[in-house]
Protein backbone atom coordinates (compact mmCIF):
# COMPACT_ATOMS: atom_id res chain seq x y z
CA UNK A 1 122.79 252.24 192.69
CA UNK A 2 120.38 250.04 194.62
CA UNK A 3 118.97 248.71 191.35
CA UNK A 4 122.46 247.83 190.18
CA UNK A 5 123.15 245.85 193.37
CA UNK A 6 119.86 243.99 192.94
CA UNK A 7 120.80 242.93 189.39
CA UNK A 8 124.24 241.78 190.52
CA UNK A 9 122.75 239.67 193.34
CA UNK A 10 120.24 238.03 190.97
CA UNK A 11 122.96 237.31 188.41
CA UNK A 12 125.14 235.79 191.11
CA UNK A 13 122.24 233.66 192.29
CA UNK A 14 121.62 232.37 188.80
CA UNK A 15 125.29 231.89 187.88
CA UNK A 16 126.26 229.95 191.06
CA UNK A 17 124.01 226.92 190.30
CA UNK A 18 125.18 226.97 186.68
CA UNK A 19 128.79 226.85 187.79
CA UNK A 20 128.07 223.97 190.15
CA UNK A 21 126.28 222.01 187.48
CA UNK A 22 129.20 222.61 185.08
CA UNK A 23 131.66 221.33 187.67
CA UNK A 24 129.57 218.26 188.35
CA UNK A 25 129.28 217.45 184.66
CA UNK A 26 132.99 217.94 184.18
CA UNK A 27 133.65 215.48 187.09
CA UNK A 28 131.24 212.95 185.53
CA UNK A 29 132.95 213.17 182.18
CA UNK A 30 136.38 212.74 183.74
CA UNK A 31 135.11 209.77 185.80
CA UNK A 32 133.63 208.15 182.69
CA UNK A 33 136.91 208.58 180.88
CA UNK A 34 138.83 207.03 183.73
CA UNK A 35 136.54 203.98 183.80
CA UNK A 36 136.11 203.58 180.04
CA UNK A 37 134.81 200.33 178.65
CA UNK A 38 138.06 200.04 176.69
CA UNK A 39 139.93 199.24 179.92
CA UNK A 40 141.02 195.64 180.29
CA UNK A 41 139.33 194.07 183.28
CA UNK A 42 141.62 192.82 186.07
CA UNK A 43 139.98 189.42 186.06
CA UNK A 44 137.15 188.08 183.99
CA UNK A 45 136.36 185.54 186.67
CA UNK A 46 135.93 186.16 190.35
CA UNK A 47 139.07 185.03 192.04
CA UNK A 48 138.86 183.23 195.36
CA UNK A 49 140.16 184.94 198.50
CA UNK A 50 143.44 183.54 199.87
CA UNK A 51 142.97 182.76 203.60
CA UNK A 52 145.51 181.81 206.24
CA UNK A 53 144.08 178.31 206.12
CA UNK A 54 144.75 178.18 202.36
CA UNK A 55 148.38 179.09 202.98
CA UNK A 56 148.62 176.39 205.71
CA UNK A 57 147.35 173.75 203.27
CA UNK A 58 149.96 174.84 200.73
CA UNK A 59 152.66 174.76 203.38
CA UNK A 60 151.59 171.26 204.46
CA UNK A 61 152.00 170.04 200.89
CA UNK A 62 155.49 171.46 200.48
CA UNK A 63 157.10 171.22 203.95
CA UNK A 64 157.60 167.37 204.14
CA UNK A 65 159.64 167.40 200.92
CA UNK A 66 162.28 169.75 202.45
CA UNK A 67 162.84 168.28 205.92
CA UNK A 68 166.06 166.50 204.84
CA UNK A 69 168.72 167.92 202.58
CA UNK A 70 170.10 171.41 202.06
CA UNK A 71 167.06 172.97 200.43
CA UNK A 72 164.84 174.82 202.95
CA UNK A 73 161.17 175.50 202.45
CA UNK A 74 160.52 179.05 203.74
CA UNK A 75 156.73 179.17 203.43
CA UNK A 76 153.97 180.39 201.17
CA UNK A 77 152.79 183.99 200.91
CA UNK A 78 149.87 185.74 199.34
CA UNK A 79 151.02 188.52 196.94
CA UNK A 80 148.45 190.25 194.80
CA UNK A 81 146.04 187.34 194.68
CA UNK A 82 148.73 184.78 193.91
CA UNK A 83 150.30 182.16 196.18
CA UNK A 84 154.10 182.23 196.15
CA UNK A 85 155.98 179.31 197.77
CA UNK A 86 159.65 180.03 198.56
CA UNK A 87 162.52 177.59 198.76
CA UNK A 88 166.00 178.64 199.76
CA UNK A 89 168.88 176.73 198.14
CA UNK A 90 172.47 176.73 199.34
CA UNK A 91 173.96 177.94 196.03
CA UNK A 92 173.19 178.58 192.37
CA UNK A 93 172.26 175.48 190.33
CA UNK A 94 174.70 174.52 187.62
CA UNK A 95 172.13 174.41 184.80
CA UNK A 96 170.47 176.85 182.47
CA UNK A 97 167.42 178.84 183.60
CA UNK A 98 165.17 176.88 181.25
CA UNK A 99 166.34 173.59 182.69
CA UNK A 100 165.89 174.87 186.22
CA UNK A 101 162.31 176.00 185.39
CA UNK A 102 161.55 172.62 183.86
CA UNK A 103 162.91 170.92 186.99
CA UNK A 104 160.76 173.10 189.20
CA UNK A 105 157.63 172.31 187.20
CA UNK A 106 158.19 168.57 187.12
CA UNK A 107 159.85 167.84 190.43
CA UNK A 108 158.96 170.62 192.83
CA UNK A 109 155.41 171.72 191.88
CA UNK A 110 152.99 169.55 193.90
CA UNK A 111 151.76 166.48 192.04
CA UNK A 112 148.22 165.21 191.66
CA UNK A 113 148.62 163.24 194.91
CA UNK A 114 148.15 166.59 196.75
CA UNK A 115 144.44 166.57 195.95
CA UNK A 116 143.44 168.49 199.09
CA UNK A 117 145.84 171.31 198.30
CA UNK A 118 144.83 171.56 194.65
CA UNK A 119 141.13 171.60 195.62
CA UNK A 120 141.78 174.22 198.24
CA UNK A 121 143.58 176.61 195.84
CA UNK A 122 141.42 175.87 192.80
CA UNK A 123 141.41 179.02 190.65
CA UNK A 124 144.27 180.65 192.62
CA UNK A 125 147.64 180.83 190.83
CA UNK A 126 150.56 179.05 192.53
CA UNK A 127 154.20 179.87 191.89
CA UNK A 128 157.31 178.15 193.25
CA UNK A 129 160.37 180.31 193.78
CA UNK A 130 163.98 179.18 194.46
CA UNK A 131 166.60 181.58 195.67
CA UNK A 132 170.02 181.63 197.36
CA UNK A 133 170.11 184.85 199.41
CA UNK A 134 167.29 187.25 198.51
CA UNK A 135 163.75 186.23 197.76
CA UNK A 136 163.41 189.19 195.41
CA UNK A 137 166.07 187.63 193.18
CA UNK A 138 164.34 184.29 192.89
CA UNK A 139 163.80 182.11 189.85
CA UNK A 140 160.18 180.97 189.68
CA UNK A 141 157.64 178.98 187.68
CA UNK A 142 153.85 178.92 187.74
CA UNK A 143 152.59 175.49 188.74
CA UNK A 144 149.80 173.89 186.73
CA UNK A 145 147.00 172.19 188.59
CA UNK A 146 147.36 168.56 187.49
CA UNK A 147 143.72 167.88 188.43
CA UNK A 148 142.62 170.37 185.71
CA UNK A 149 145.24 169.43 183.12
CA UNK A 150 144.29 167.12 180.28
């Protein structure tokens, strides 16, 4: 009986490391599958960090345009590495969505005269949103940096 116990203990001692190695290899295989080279990278270029100062520079570019009139600039926010500038309007615009987007791109997106702002956010996407009641139901366009265009 003593001999039988000795064999069982030795088998257990040899099996335990084998089980641990098997678990580790399985984890490595699963990790490799989760980070496969076939995955699309989030960004091929390193994106700049959006600081509070960056948002202040964006706000300074937009705010003066909305002091008078019924449209109210509500500020810029960082959301998932993108700057979103929000403008509240009193009511829906009487034009198609495409015309509204074209208007936002040409008249509301900051022009090339805002050199400081465009240099500050270089490489960071900027979107302008208009909404009546809820920001989540906004119409938006991505602004193109005029300093990089053409």
